[in-house]
Amino acid sequence: MMRARDRAVSEQIEIALEAADRGDGTIPIVEAGDPILRQSTVPFDGQVDDDVLLQLLLAMRLTVRSAPGVGLACPQVGIGLRMAVVEDPATVPADVARVRERELLPFTPLINPEYRDASGELASFYEGCLSVPGYQAVVPRHRKIILSAQDNEGTAYEREVTGWSARIVQHETDHLDGILYLDRAEMRSLATNEQVARWWNQPDAQAAALALGFELPDTPIM
């Protein structure tokens, strides 16, 4: 017999896919304040069959590309399932890419992901979130992580992820634990997208830290 939370997840997936079918193929993105963004998720354990899972992944891919963004977790589309998708074309200037260690990240489903620090180093940059539209803040993240997850065929894998790709994975995995990026942010750095573009479009966050009065941490996040 299907457990109540698994049954709820199946219903949430059905609702999300119906919304995609009624519209342009994308799923409406949940914004901060919705309780689902603050709840822990249920591990994927065959709550839906392979065809429905693929439909969901394709709808999430279209949604994140249309937003546009570089990652999307199931709670952000109203589904309490431990799954996310990430993809980064890394179309940024060369100096930004070098400082932020930003490289092409192909479309990748993250099913039941976990991560752990792999270097003891932090990197602090501005980041935003599709569920907190219009704002960005500086967030310290592990520079290098070990990602453990499953692909859409159920095969487990483990890989090292570095730089901006590691930041994306951490951000999306945090969503699956009810954590928003603002929970980890240097709140004195909080700015609208327009003000980030005006004042803080440098490759790193040093100028923002000096002007806005916050320190860039140099110890690992616990």
N, C-alpha and C. Protein backbone atom coordinates (compact mmCIF):
# COMPACT_ATOMS: atom_id res chain seq x y z
N MET A 1 0.85 -1.20 0.00
CA MET A 1 0.00 0.00 0.00
C MET A 1 0.88 1.25 0.00
N MET A 2 0.54 2.23 -0.83
CA MET A 2 1.32 3.45 -0.92
C MET A 2 1.14 4.30 0.33
N ARG A 3 2.25 4.79 0.88
CA ARG A 3 2.19 5.64 2.05
C ARG A 3 1.56 6.98 1.71
N ALA A 4 1.07 7.68 2.76
CA ALA A 4 0.34 8.93 2.54
C ALA A 4 1.21 9.96 1.84
N ARG A 5 2.49 10.10 2.26
CA ARG A 5 3.35 11.11 1.64
C ARG A 5 3.68 10.74 0.20
N ASP A 6 3.85 9.45 -0.07
CA ASP A 6 4.10 9.02 -1.45
C ASP A 6 2.87 9.28 -2.32
N ARG A 7 1.70 9.03 -1.76
CA ARG A 7 0.46 9.29 -2.50
C ARG A 7 0.32 10.78 -2.78
N ALA A 8 0.68 11.61 -1.79
CA ALA A 8 0.62 13.05 -1.98
C ALA A 8 1.57 13.50 -3.09
N VAL A 9 2.78 12.93 -3.12
CA VAL A 9 3.74 13.28 -4.16
C VAL A 9 3.21 12.90 -5.53
N SER A 10 2.63 11.71 -5.65
CA SER A 10 2.06 11.28 -6.93
C SER A 10 0.99 12.26 -7.40
N GLU A 11 0.16 12.71 -6.48
CA GLU A 11 -0.89 13.68 -6.83
C GLU A 11 -0.30 15.02 -7.23
N GLN A 12 0.77 15.43 -6.53
CA GLN A 12 1.42 16.70 -6.88
C GLN A 12 2.03 16.64 -8.27
N ILE A 13 2.63 15.50 -8.61
CA ILE A 13 3.19 15.34 -9.95
C ILE A 13 2.09 15.41 -11.00
N GLU A 14 0.98 14.75 -10.74
CA GLU A 14 -0.14 14.78 -11.68
C GLU A 14 -0.64 16.21 -11.90
N ILE A 15 -0.77 16.96 -10.81
CA ILE A 15 -1.23 18.35 -10.91
C ILE A 15 -0.23 19.19 -11.72
N ALA A 16 1.07 19.01 -11.46
CA ALA A 16 2.09 19.78 -12.17
C ALA A 16 2.08 19.49 -13.66
N LEU A 17 1.97 18.21 -14.01
CA LEU A 17 1.97 17.84 -15.43
C LEU A 17 0.70 18.31 -16.12
N GLU A 18 -0.42 18.30 -15.41
CA GLU A 18 -1.66 18.83 -15.98
C GLU A 18 -1.52 20.32 -16.26
N ALA A 19 -0.88 21.04 -15.34
CA ALA A 19 -0.66 22.48 -15.55
C ALA A 19 0.23 22.71 -16.76
N ALA A 20 1.25 21.87 -16.93
CA ALA A 20 2.13 22.00 -18.09
C ALA A 20 1.37 21.74 -19.38
N ASP A 21 0.50 20.73 -19.37
CA ASP A 21 -0.28 20.38 -20.56
C ASP A 21 -1.26 21.49 -20.93
N ARG A 22 -1.81 22.17 -19.93
CA ARG A 22 -2.78 23.24 -20.21
C ARG A 22 -2.13 24.49 -20.74
N GLY A 23 -0.83 24.65 -20.46
CA GLY A 23 -0.15 25.87 -20.86
C GLY A 23 0.85 25.64 -21.97
N ASP A 24 2.05 26.18 -21.76
CA ASP A 24 3.08 26.12 -22.80
C ASP A 24 4.08 24.99 -22.56
N GLY A 25 3.74 24.08 -21.68
CA GLY A 25 4.63 22.97 -21.39
C GLY A 25 5.47 23.18 -20.15
N THR A 26 5.46 24.41 -19.61
CA THR A 26 6.20 24.69 -18.39
C THR A 26 5.29 24.54 -17.17
N ILE A 27 5.91 24.38 -16.00
CA ILE A 27 5.17 24.25 -14.75
C ILE A 27 5.31 25.55 -13.97
N PRO A 28 4.23 26.09 -13.41
CA PRO A 28 4.35 27.32 -12.62
C PRO A 28 5.33 27.14 -11.47
N ILE A 29 6.17 28.16 -11.25
CA ILE A 29 7.18 28.10 -10.20
C ILE A 29 6.63 28.67 -8.90
N VAL A 30 6.80 27.92 -7.84
CA VAL A 30 6.35 28.31 -6.50
C VAL A 30 7.30 29.37 -5.95
N GLU A 31 6.76 30.40 -5.30
CA GLU A 31 7.60 31.46 -4.75
C GLU A 31 7.66 31.39 -3.23
N ALA A 32 8.68 32.05 -2.67
CA ALA A 32 8.91 32.05 -1.23
C ALA A 32 7.65 32.45 -0.48
N GLY A 33 7.36 31.73 0.58
CA GLY A 33 6.14 31.92 1.34
C GLY A 33 5.24 30.71 1.26
N ASP A 34 5.37 29.94 0.17
CA ASP A 34 4.62 28.69 0.05
C ASP A 34 5.24 27.66 0.99
N PRO A 35 4.44 27.01 1.84
CA PRO A 35 5.00 26.06 2.82
C PRO A 35 5.83 24.95 2.21
N ILE A 36 5.56 24.55 0.97
CA ILE A 36 6.29 23.41 0.41
C ILE A 36 7.78 23.69 0.29
N LEU A 37 8.16 24.97 0.19
CA LEU A 37 9.56 25.33 0.09
C LEU A 37 10.30 25.17 1.41
N ARG A 38 9.56 24.95 2.49
CA ARG A 38 10.16 24.82 3.82
C ARG A 38 10.00 23.41 4.39
N GLN A 39 9.60 22.49 3.56
CA GLN A 39 9.39 21.12 4.02
C GLN A 39 10.46 20.19 3.45
N SER A 40 10.80 19.16 4.20
CA SER A 40 11.71 18.15 3.67
C SER A 40 10.98 17.32 2.63
N THR A 41 11.73 16.75 1.72
CA THR A 41 11.13 16.02 0.61
C THR A 41 11.20 14.50 0.83
N VAL A 42 10.40 13.80 0.06
CA VAL A 42 10.37 12.34 0.10
C VAL A 42 11.35 11.79 -0.94
N PRO A 43 12.22 10.85 -0.57
CA PRO A 43 13.11 10.25 -1.58
C PRO A 43 12.29 9.61 -2.71
N PHE A 44 12.83 9.70 -3.93
CA PHE A 44 12.16 9.01 -5.03
C PHE A 44 12.37 7.51 -4.87
N ASP A 45 11.27 6.78 -4.88
CA ASP A 45 11.32 5.33 -4.68
C ASP A 45 10.23 4.67 -5.52
N GLY A 46 10.14 5.13 -6.79
CA GLY A 46 9.18 4.52 -7.70
C GLY A 46 7.75 4.96 -7.50
N GLN A 47 7.55 6.18 -6.97
CA GLN A 47 6.17 6.65 -6.76
C GLN A 47 5.41 6.77 -8.07
N VAL A 48 6.13 7.00 -9.17
CA VAL A 48 5.51 7.04 -10.49
C VAL A 48 6.34 6.18 -11.43
N ASP A 49 5.75 5.76 -12.53
CA ASP A 49 6.49 4.88 -13.45
C ASP A 49 7.48 5.70 -14.29
N ASP A 50 8.29 4.98 -15.07
CA ASP A 50 9.37 5.62 -15.82
C ASP A 50 8.87 6.66 -16.81
N ASP A 51 7.74 6.39 -17.45
CA ASP A 51 7.21 7.33 -18.44
C ASP A 51 6.80 8.65 -17.78
N VAL A 52 6.14 8.57 -16.63
CA VAL A 52 5.72 9.80 -15.93
C VAL A 52 6.94 10.54 -15.41
N LEU A 53 7.92 9.80 -14.90
CA LEU A 53 9.15 10.44 -14.43
C LEU A 53 9.83 11.20 -15.56
N LEU A 54 9.89 10.60 -16.74
CA LEU A 54 10.51 11.27 -17.88
C LEU A 54 9.71 12.51 -18.27
N GLN A 55 8.38 12.42 -18.25
CA GLN A 55 7.55 13.60 -18.54
C GLN A 55 7.85 14.74 -17.58
N LEU A 56 8.00 14.38 -16.30
CA LEU A 56 8.28 15.41 -15.29
C LEU A 56 9.65 16.04 -15.54
N LEU A 57 10.65 15.24 -15.81
CA LEU A 57 11.99 15.77 -16.06
C LEU A 57 12.01 16.69 -17.28
N LEU A 58 11.30 16.29 -18.34
CA LEU A 58 11.25 17.13 -19.54
C LEU A 58 10.53 18.45 -19.28
N ALA A 59 9.45 18.38 -18.49
CA ALA A 59 8.72 19.61 -18.15
C ALA A 59 9.58 20.52 -17.28
N MET A 60 10.34 19.94 -16.37
CA MET A 60 11.23 20.75 -15.52
C MET A 60 12.35 21.35 -16.35
N ARG A 61 12.87 20.60 -17.32
CA ARG A 61 13.91 21.14 -18.20
C ARG A 61 13.38 22.34 -18.97
N LEU A 62 12.19 22.22 -19.53
CA LEU A 62 11.61 23.33 -20.27
C LEU A 62 11.35 24.52 -19.35
N THR A 63 10.89 24.23 -18.14
CA THR A 63 10.59 25.30 -17.18
C THR A 63 11.84 26.08 -16.80
N VAL A 64 12.93 25.38 -16.48
CA VAL A 64 14.15 26.08 -16.06
C VAL A 64 14.78 26.83 -17.22
N ARG A 65 14.67 26.29 -18.42
CA ARG A 65 15.21 27.01 -19.57
C ARG A 65 14.39 28.25 -19.90
N SER A 66 13.08 28.16 -19.71
CA SER A 66 12.19 29.29 -20.03
C SER A 66 12.30 30.40 -19.00
N ALA A 67 12.70 30.07 -17.77
CA ALA A 67 12.66 31.05 -16.68
C ALA A 67 13.43 32.36 -16.95
N PRO A 68 14.70 32.39 -17.38
CA PRO A 68 15.63 31.26 -17.45
C PRO A 68 16.38 31.10 -16.14
N GLY A 69 16.89 29.89 -15.92
CA GLY A 69 17.68 29.63 -14.73
C GLY A 69 18.68 28.53 -15.02
N VAL A 70 19.37 28.10 -13.96
CA VAL A 70 20.39 27.06 -14.12
C VAL A 70 20.07 25.83 -13.26
N GLY A 71 18.97 25.87 -12.54
CA GLY A 71 18.58 24.73 -11.73
C GLY A 71 17.16 24.88 -11.25
N LEU A 72 16.53 23.75 -10.98
CA LEU A 72 15.15 23.76 -10.51
C LEU A 72 14.92 22.50 -9.70
N ALA A 73 14.40 22.68 -8.48
CA ALA A 73 14.11 21.54 -7.60
C ALA A 73 12.61 21.29 -7.57
N CYS A 74 12.24 20.04 -7.30
CA CYS A 74 10.82 19.67 -7.31
C CYS A 74 9.95 20.56 -6.41
N PRO A 75 10.38 20.92 -5.19
CA PRO A 75 9.52 21.80 -4.38
C PRO A 75 9.20 23.12 -5.07
N GLN A 76 10.07 23.57 -5.97
CA GLN A 76 9.83 24.83 -6.67
C GLN A 76 8.71 24.73 -7.69
N VAL A 77 8.29 23.52 -8.00
CA VAL A 77 7.13 23.34 -8.87
C VAL A 77 6.02 22.61 -8.11
N GLY A 78 6.06 22.73 -6.78
CA GLY A 78 4.97 22.24 -5.96
C GLY A 78 4.98 20.75 -5.68
N ILE A 79 6.14 20.11 -5.79
CA ILE A 79 6.23 18.67 -5.61
C ILE A 79 7.23 18.35 -4.51
N GLY A 80 6.80 17.62 -3.50
CA GLY A 80 7.66 17.30 -2.37
C GLY A 80 8.52 16.08 -2.59
N LEU A 81 9.22 16.02 -3.70
CA LEU A 81 10.02 14.87 -4.09
C LEU A 81 11.50 15.25 -4.13
N ARG A 82 12.36 14.34 -3.68
CA ARG A 82 13.79 14.63 -3.63
C ARG A 82 14.42 14.48 -5.02
N MET A 83 14.17 15.47 -5.84
CA MET A 83 14.67 15.47 -7.20
C MET A 83 14.82 16.89 -7.70
N ALA A 84 15.85 17.12 -8.50
CA ALA A 84 16.09 18.43 -9.09
C ALA A 84 16.73 18.23 -10.45
N VAL A 85 16.78 19.31 -11.22
CA VAL A 85 17.52 19.31 -12.48
C VAL A 85 18.46 20.50 -12.49
N VAL A 86 19.62 20.33 -13.13
CA VAL A 86 20.59 21.41 -13.25
C VAL A 86 21.09 21.48 -14.69
N GLU A 87 21.41 22.69 -15.12
CA GLU A 87 21.96 22.91 -16.47
C GLU A 87 22.49 24.32 -16.55
N ASP A 88 23.72 24.48 -16.99
CA ASP A 88 24.31 25.82 -17.09
C ASP A 88 25.07 25.95 -18.40
N PRO A 89 24.58 26.81 -19.31
CA PRO A 89 25.31 27.03 -20.56
C PRO A 89 26.59 27.83 -20.37
N ALA A 90 26.72 28.47 -19.18
CA ALA A 90 27.94 29.22 -18.84
C ALA A 90 28.29 30.28 -19.87
N THR A 91 27.29 30.99 -20.36
CA THR A 91 27.52 32.04 -21.35
C THR A 91 27.81 33.35 -20.63
N VAL A 92 29.01 33.45 -20.07
CA VAL A 92 29.45 34.63 -19.35
C VAL A 92 30.81 35.05 -19.88
N PRO A 93 31.22 36.31 -19.63
CA PRO A 93 32.54 36.74 -20.09
C PRO A 93 33.65 35.87 -19.51
N ALA A 94 34.76 35.81 -20.23
CA ALA A 94 35.86 34.92 -19.85
C ALA A 94 36.41 35.22 -18.47
N ASP A 95 36.50 36.53 -18.09
CA ASP A 95 37.06 36.85 -16.78
C ASP A 95 36.13 36.40 -15.66
N VAL A 96 34.83 36.49 -15.90
CA VAL A 96 33.85 36.03 -14.91
C VAL A 96 33.93 34.51 -14.79
N ALA A 97 33.97 33.84 -15.91
CA ALA A 97 34.05 32.38 -15.91
C ALA A 97 35.30 31.89 -15.17
N ARG A 98 36.41 32.59 -15.34
CA ARG A 98 37.66 32.18 -14.71
C ARG A 98 37.58 32.35 -13.19
N VAL A 99 37.14 33.51 -12.73
CA VAL A 99 37.11 33.79 -11.29
C VAL A 99 36.09 32.90 -10.59
N ARG A 100 34.96 32.69 -11.23
CA ARG A 100 33.89 31.91 -10.60
C ARG A 100 33.99 30.42 -10.92
N GLU A 101 35.00 30.04 -11.67
CA GLU A 101 35.17 28.65 -12.09
C GLU A 101 33.86 28.12 -12.69
N ARG A 102 33.38 28.87 -13.66
CA ARG A 102 32.09 28.56 -14.27
C ARG A 102 32.31 27.91 -15.63
N GLU A 103 31.88 26.67 -15.74
CA GLU A 103 32.03 25.91 -16.97
C GLU A 103 30.69 25.31 -17.38
N LEU A 104 30.62 24.87 -18.63
CA LEU A 104 29.41 24.25 -19.14
C LEU A 104 28.99 23.08 -18.25
N LEU A 105 27.72 23.09 -17.86
CA LEU A 105 27.13 21.99 -17.09
C LEU A 105 25.97 21.45 -17.91
N PRO A 106 26.11 20.28 -18.51
CA PRO A 106 25.02 19.72 -19.32
C PRO A 106 23.79 19.44 -18.46
N PHE A 107 22.64 19.34 -19.11
CA PHE A 107 21.41 19.03 -18.39
C PHE A 107 21.59 17.72 -17.63
N THR A 108 21.34 17.78 -16.32
CA THR A 108 21.56 16.62 -15.46
C THR A 108 20.43 16.49 -14.45
N PRO A 109 19.69 15.38 -14.45
CA PRO A 109 18.73 15.13 -13.38
C PRO A 109 19.48 14.70 -12.11
N LEU A 110 19.03 15.21 -10.98
CA LEU A 110 19.57 14.83 -9.68
C LEU A 110 18.45 14.14 -8.91
N ILE A 111 18.53 12.83 -8.78
CA ILE A 111 17.52 12.07 -8.07
C ILE A 111 18.12 11.58 -6.76
N ASN A 112 17.46 11.91 -5.66
CA ASN A 112 17.94 11.59 -4.31
C ASN A 112 19.38 12.08 -4.08
N PRO A 113 19.66 13.34 -4.41
CA PRO A 113 21.05 13.82 -4.28
C PRO A 113 21.44 14.13 -2.83
N GLU A 114 22.71 13.93 -2.56
CA GLU A 114 23.37 14.35 -1.33
C GLU A 114 24.72 14.91 -1.74
N TYR A 115 25.29 15.79 -0.91
CA TYR A 115 26.64 16.28 -1.21
C TYR A 115 27.43 16.42 0.08
N ARG A 116 28.75 16.41 -0.06
CA ARG A 116 29.63 16.66 1.07
C ARG A 116 30.82 17.48 0.60
N ASP A 117 31.38 18.24 1.51
CA ASP A 117 32.53 19.07 1.20
C ASP A 117 33.71 18.21 0.79
N ALA A 118 34.46 18.67 -0.21
CA ALA A 118 35.60 17.89 -0.70
C ALA A 118 36.92 18.63 -0.60
N SER A 119 36.91 19.89 -0.08
CA SER A 119 38.15 20.65 -0.10
C SER A 119 38.40 21.49 1.15
N GLY A 120 37.35 21.78 1.93
CA GLY A 120 37.50 22.69 3.06
C GLY A 120 37.59 24.14 2.65
N GLU A 121 37.35 24.44 1.37
CA GLU A 121 37.42 25.80 0.86
C GLU A 121 36.02 26.34 0.58
N LEU A 122 35.86 27.65 0.80
CA LEU A 122 34.60 28.31 0.46
C LEU A 122 34.81 29.29 -0.68
N ALA A 123 33.75 29.51 -1.45
CA ALA A 123 33.71 30.55 -2.47
C ALA A 123 32.43 31.35 -2.24
N SER A 124 32.54 32.69 -2.26
CA SER A 124 31.39 33.55 -1.97
C SER A 124 31.09 34.43 -3.17
N PHE A 125 29.89 34.29 -3.70
CA PHE A 125 29.46 35.08 -4.86
C PHE A 125 27.99 35.41 -4.71
N TYR A 126 27.54 36.40 -5.48
CA TYR A 126 26.11 36.68 -5.56
C TYR A 126 25.40 35.52 -6.25
N GLU A 127 24.24 35.16 -5.74
CA GLU A 127 23.38 34.20 -6.41
C GLU A 127 21.93 34.58 -6.17
N GLY A 128 21.05 34.07 -7.01
CA GLY A 128 19.62 34.33 -6.88
C GLY A 128 18.85 33.03 -6.91
N CYS A 129 17.54 33.15 -6.99
CA CYS A 129 16.68 31.96 -6.95
C CYS A 129 15.38 32.26 -7.68
N LEU A 130 14.93 31.31 -8.49
CA LEU A 130 13.68 31.49 -9.22
C LEU A 130 12.48 31.60 -8.29
N SER A 131 12.61 31.10 -7.07
CA SER A 131 11.51 31.18 -6.10
C SER A 131 11.57 32.45 -5.25
N VAL A 132 12.63 33.24 -5.43
CA VAL A 132 12.76 34.54 -4.75
C VAL A 132 13.08 35.56 -5.83
N PRO A 133 12.14 35.83 -6.72
CA PRO A 133 12.44 36.64 -7.91
C PRO A 133 12.79 38.08 -7.55
N GLY A 134 13.75 38.62 -8.31
CA GLY A 134 14.07 40.04 -8.20
C GLY A 134 15.22 40.38 -7.28
N TYR A 135 15.75 39.41 -6.55
CA TYR A 135 16.79 39.69 -5.56
C TYR A 135 17.97 38.75 -5.71
N GLN A 136 19.12 39.20 -5.20
CA GLN A 136 20.32 38.38 -5.11
C GLN A 136 21.04 38.71 -3.81
N ALA A 137 21.88 37.78 -3.36
CA ALA A 137 22.70 38.00 -2.18
C ALA A 137 23.95 37.15 -2.28
N VAL A 138 24.98 37.55 -1.57
CA VAL A 138 26.22 36.79 -1.54
C VAL A 138 26.05 35.58 -0.63
N VAL A 139 26.42 34.43 -1.16
CA VAL A 139 26.28 33.17 -0.41
C VAL A 139 27.62 32.44 -0.42
N PRO A 140 28.15 32.10 0.76
CA PRO A 140 29.34 31.25 0.80
C PRO A 140 28.94 29.80 0.57
N ARG A 141 29.63 29.15 -0.35
CA ARG A 141 29.36 27.74 -0.66
C ARG A 141 30.67 26.97 -0.70
N HIS A 142 30.57 25.67 -0.48
CA HIS A 142 31.75 24.83 -0.66
C HIS A 142 32.23 24.94 -2.11
N ARG A 143 33.53 25.17 -2.26
CA ARG A 143 34.08 25.33 -3.61
C ARG A 143 34.07 24.01 -4.36
N LYS A 144 34.29 22.92 -3.65
CA LYS A 144 34.35 21.61 -4.28
C LYS A 144 33.55 20.62 -3.42
N ILE A 145 32.74 19.80 -4.07
CA ILE A 145 31.91 18.85 -3.35
C ILE A 145 31.99 17.47 -4.01
N ILE A 146 31.56 16.48 -3.25
CA ILE A 146 31.31 15.16 -3.80
C ILE A 146 29.81 14.99 -3.86
N LEU A 147 29.28 14.82 -5.05
CA LEU A 147 27.85 14.64 -5.28
C LEU A 147 27.53 13.16 -5.38
N SER A 148 26.55 12.71 -4.63
CA SER A 148 26.03 11.35 -4.74
C SER A 148 24.57 11.45 -5.15
N ALA A 149 24.17 10.74 -6.19
CA ALA A 149 22.79 10.82 -6.68
C ALA A 149 22.49 9.61 -7.56
N GLN A 150 21.30 9.62 -8.14
CA GLN A 150 20.90 8.61 -9.11
C GLN A 150 20.48 9.31 -10.39
N ASP A 151 20.68 8.65 -11.52
CA ASP A 151 20.17 9.20 -12.77
C ASP A 151 18.73 8.73 -12.98
N ASN A 152 18.13 9.14 -14.11
CA ASN A 152 16.72 8.84 -14.31
C ASN A 152 16.46 7.36 -14.61
N GLU A 153 17.51 6.58 -14.75
CA GLU A 153 17.34 5.14 -14.92
C GLU A 153 17.59 4.38 -13.62
N GLY A 154 17.82 5.15 -12.54
CA GLY A 154 18.00 4.54 -11.24
C GLY A 154 19.42 4.12 -10.91
N THR A 155 20.37 4.47 -11.79
CA THR A 155 21.76 4.11 -11.56
C THR A 155 22.42 5.11 -10.62
N ALA A 156 22.99 4.63 -9.53
CA ALA A 156 23.66 5.50 -8.57
C ALA A 156 25.03 5.92 -9.12
N TYR A 157 25.42 7.15 -8.81
CA TYR A 157 26.74 7.62 -9.22
C TYR A 157 27.28 8.58 -8.17
N GLU A 158 28.57 8.78 -8.20
CA GLU A 158 29.24 9.73 -7.32
C GLU A 158 30.28 10.44 -8.15
N ARG A 159 30.33 11.77 -8.03
CA ARG A 159 31.30 12.53 -8.81
C ARG A 159 31.73 13.78 -8.07
N GLU A 160 32.89 14.26 -8.40
CA GLU A 160 33.40 15.52 -7.84
C GLU A 160 32.91 16.67 -8.70
N VAL A 161 32.42 17.71 -8.04
CA VAL A 161 31.91 18.89 -8.75
C VAL A 161 32.57 20.13 -8.16
N THR A 162 33.03 21.02 -9.02
CA THR A 162 33.82 22.17 -8.58
C THR A 162 33.21 23.48 -9.08
N GLY A 163 33.50 24.54 -8.37
CA GLY A 163 33.19 25.89 -8.82
C GLY A 163 31.71 26.19 -8.90
N TRP A 164 31.31 26.87 -9.98
CA TRP A 164 29.92 27.32 -10.10
C TRP A 164 28.96 26.14 -10.21
N SER A 165 29.39 25.08 -10.85
CA SER A 165 28.54 23.89 -10.93
C SER A 165 28.27 23.33 -9.53
N ALA A 166 29.28 23.34 -8.67
CA ALA A 166 29.09 22.90 -7.29
C ALA A 166 28.11 23.80 -6.56
N ARG A 167 28.17 25.10 -6.84
CA ARG A 167 27.23 26.05 -6.24
C ARG A 167 25.80 25.71 -6.66
N ILE A 168 25.60 25.44 -7.92
CA ILE A 168 24.25 25.11 -8.41
C ILE A 168 23.73 23.85 -7.73
N VAL A 169 24.56 22.83 -7.66
CA VAL A 169 24.14 21.57 -7.03
C VAL A 169 23.78 21.80 -5.57
N GLN A 170 24.60 22.57 -4.85
CA GLN A 170 24.31 22.83 -3.44
C GLN A 170 23.00 23.60 -3.28
N HIS A 171 22.80 24.60 -4.12
CA HIS A 171 21.58 25.41 -4.06
C HIS A 171 20.34 24.54 -4.26
N GLU A 172 20.37 23.70 -5.29
CA GLU A 172 19.19 22.88 -5.59
C GLU A 172 18.99 21.78 -4.55
N THR A 173 20.07 21.18 -4.06
CA THR A 173 19.93 20.16 -3.04
C THR A 173 19.40 20.75 -1.74
N ASP A 174 19.82 21.98 -1.43
CA ASP A 174 19.27 22.65 -0.25
C ASP A 174 17.75 22.78 -0.33
N HIS A 175 17.24 23.06 -1.51
CA HIS A 175 15.78 23.16 -1.67
C HIS A 175 15.09 21.87 -1.20
N LEU A 176 15.74 20.75 -1.39
CA LEU A 176 15.13 19.47 -1.06
C LEU A 176 15.10 19.22 0.45
N ASP A 177 15.82 20.08 1.19
CA ASP A 177 15.81 20.01 2.65
C ASP A 177 15.09 21.21 3.27
N GLY A 178 14.33 21.93 2.46
CA GLY A 178 13.57 23.08 2.97
C GLY A 178 14.41 24.31 3.23
N ILE A 179 15.57 24.41 2.59
CA ILE A 179 16.49 25.52 2.80
C ILE A 179 16.49 26.44 1.59
N LEU A 180 16.30 27.74 1.80
CA LEU A 180 16.43 28.73 0.75
C LEU A 180 17.82 29.36 0.82
N TYR A 181 18.29 29.89 -0.31
CA TYR A 181 19.63 30.45 -0.33
C TYR A 181 19.78 31.60 0.66
N LEU A 182 18.69 32.30 0.96
CA LEU A 182 18.76 33.41 1.91
C LEU A 182 19.12 32.93 3.31
N ASP A 183 18.85 31.68 3.62
CA ASP A 183 19.21 31.13 4.92
C ASP A 183 20.72 31.06 5.10
N ARG A 184 21.46 31.02 4.01
CA ARG A 184 22.91 30.92 4.05
C ARG A 184 23.59 32.22 3.63
N ALA A 185 22.82 33.23 3.27
CA ALA A 185 23.37 34.43 2.66
C ALA A 185 23.94 35.41 3.68
N GLU A 186 24.86 36.25 3.20
CA GLU A 186 25.29 37.43 3.94
C GLU A 186 24.23 38.50 3.69
N MET A 187 23.35 38.71 4.68
CA MET A 187 22.15 39.51 4.43
C MET A 187 22.45 40.99 4.17
N ARG A 188 23.60 41.47 4.61
CA ARG A 188 23.94 42.86 4.28
C ARG A 188 24.22 43.03 2.79
N SER A 189 24.40 41.93 2.09
CA SER A 189 24.66 42.00 0.65
C SER A 189 23.39 42.00 -0.18
N LEU A 190 22.23 41.75 0.45
CA LEU A 190 20.98 41.60 -0.30
C LEU A 190 20.71 42.82 -1.17
N ALA A 191 20.41 42.57 -2.43
CA ALA A 191 20.17 43.66 -3.38
C ALA A 191 19.21 43.19 -4.45
N THR A 192 18.52 44.15 -5.05
CA THR A 192 17.69 43.82 -6.20
C THR A 192 18.58 43.48 -7.39
N ASN A 193 18.01 42.79 -8.35
CA ASN A 193 18.78 42.47 -9.56
C ASN A 193 19.32 43.73 -10.22
N GLU A 194 18.51 44.80 -10.20
CA GLU A 194 18.92 46.04 -10.84
C GLU A 194 20.13 46.65 -10.15
N GLN A 195 20.15 46.59 -8.80
CA GLN A 195 21.27 47.17 -8.07
C GLN A 195 22.52 46.31 -8.17
N VAL A 196 22.34 44.99 -8.26
CA VAL A 196 23.51 44.13 -8.50
C VAL A 196 24.13 44.49 -9.85
N ALA A 197 23.30 44.66 -10.86
CA ALA A 197 23.82 45.02 -12.19
C ALA A 197 24.50 46.39 -12.17
N ARG A 198 23.96 47.30 -11.36
CA ARG A 198 24.53 48.65 -11.32
C ARG A 198 25.84 48.71 -10.55
N TRP A 199 25.88 48.05 -9.39
CA TRP A 199 26.99 48.21 -8.47
C TRP A 199 27.93 47.00 -8.38
N TRP A 200 27.38 45.80 -8.47
CA TRP A 200 28.16 44.62 -8.06
C TRP A 200 28.29 43.58 -9.17
N ASN A 201 28.55 44.06 -10.39
CA ASN A 201 28.69 43.14 -11.52
C ASN A 201 30.13 42.69 -11.73
N GLN A 202 30.98 42.89 -10.73
CA GLN A 202 32.36 42.42 -10.81
C GLN A 202 32.39 40.89 -10.72
N PRO A 203 33.47 40.28 -11.19
CA PRO A 203 33.54 38.81 -11.13
C PRO A 203 33.46 38.24 -9.72
N ASP A 204 33.96 38.99 -8.71
CA ASP A 204 33.92 38.49 -7.34
C ASP A 204 33.12 39.44 -6.46
N ALA A 205 33.03 39.13 -5.16
CA ALA A 205 32.19 39.90 -4.23
C ALA A 205 33.00 40.81 -3.32
N GLN A 206 34.28 41.01 -3.60
CA GLN A 206 35.13 41.79 -2.71
C GLN A 206 34.65 43.23 -2.57
N ALA A 207 34.30 43.88 -3.68
CA ALA A 207 33.86 45.27 -3.62
C ALA A 207 32.56 45.40 -2.85
N ALA A 208 31.64 44.47 -3.04
CA ALA A 208 30.38 44.51 -2.30
C ALA A 208 30.61 44.34 -0.81
N ALA A 209 31.49 43.44 -0.44
CA ALA A 209 31.78 43.21 0.98
C ALA A 209 32.34 44.46 1.62
N LEU A 210 33.25 45.14 0.95
CA LEU A 210 33.87 46.35 1.48
C LEU A 210 32.86 47.48 1.60
N ALA A 211 32.05 47.68 0.58
CA ALA A 211 31.12 48.81 0.56
C ALA A 211 29.90 48.59 1.46
N LEU A 212 29.43 47.36 1.54
CA LEU A 212 28.19 47.08 2.27
C LEU A 212 28.44 46.60 3.69
N GLY A 213 29.69 46.36 4.04
CA GLY A 213 30.03 46.08 5.42
C GLY A 213 29.79 44.66 5.90
N PHE A 214 30.25 43.69 5.12
CA PHE A 214 30.19 42.31 5.60
C PHE A 214 31.50 41.62 5.26
N GLU A 215 31.77 40.53 5.96
CA GLU A 215 33.01 39.79 5.73
C GLU A 215 32.73 38.56 4.88
N LEU A 216 33.70 38.23 4.06
CA LEU A 216 33.63 37.02 3.28
C LEU A 216 34.25 35.90 4.11
N PRO A 217 33.48 34.91 4.49
CA PRO A 217 33.99 33.88 5.41
C PRO A 217 35.07 33.03 4.74
N ASP A 218 36.00 32.57 5.58
CA ASP A 218 37.07 31.73 5.05
C ASP A 218 37.16 30.40 5.82
N THR A 219 36.05 30.05 6.48
CA THR A 219 35.98 28.77 7.18
C THR A 219 34.84 27.96 6.61
N PRO A 220 34.94 26.63 6.64
CA PRO A 220 33.90 25.80 6.02
C PRO A 220 32.53 25.99 6.63
N ILE A 221 31.49 25.90 5.79
CA ILE A 221 30.12 25.88 6.26
C ILE A 221 29.87 24.57 6.97
N MET A 222 29.23 24.61 8.10
CA MET A 222 28.93 23.40 8.84
C MET A 222 27.49 22.98 8.53
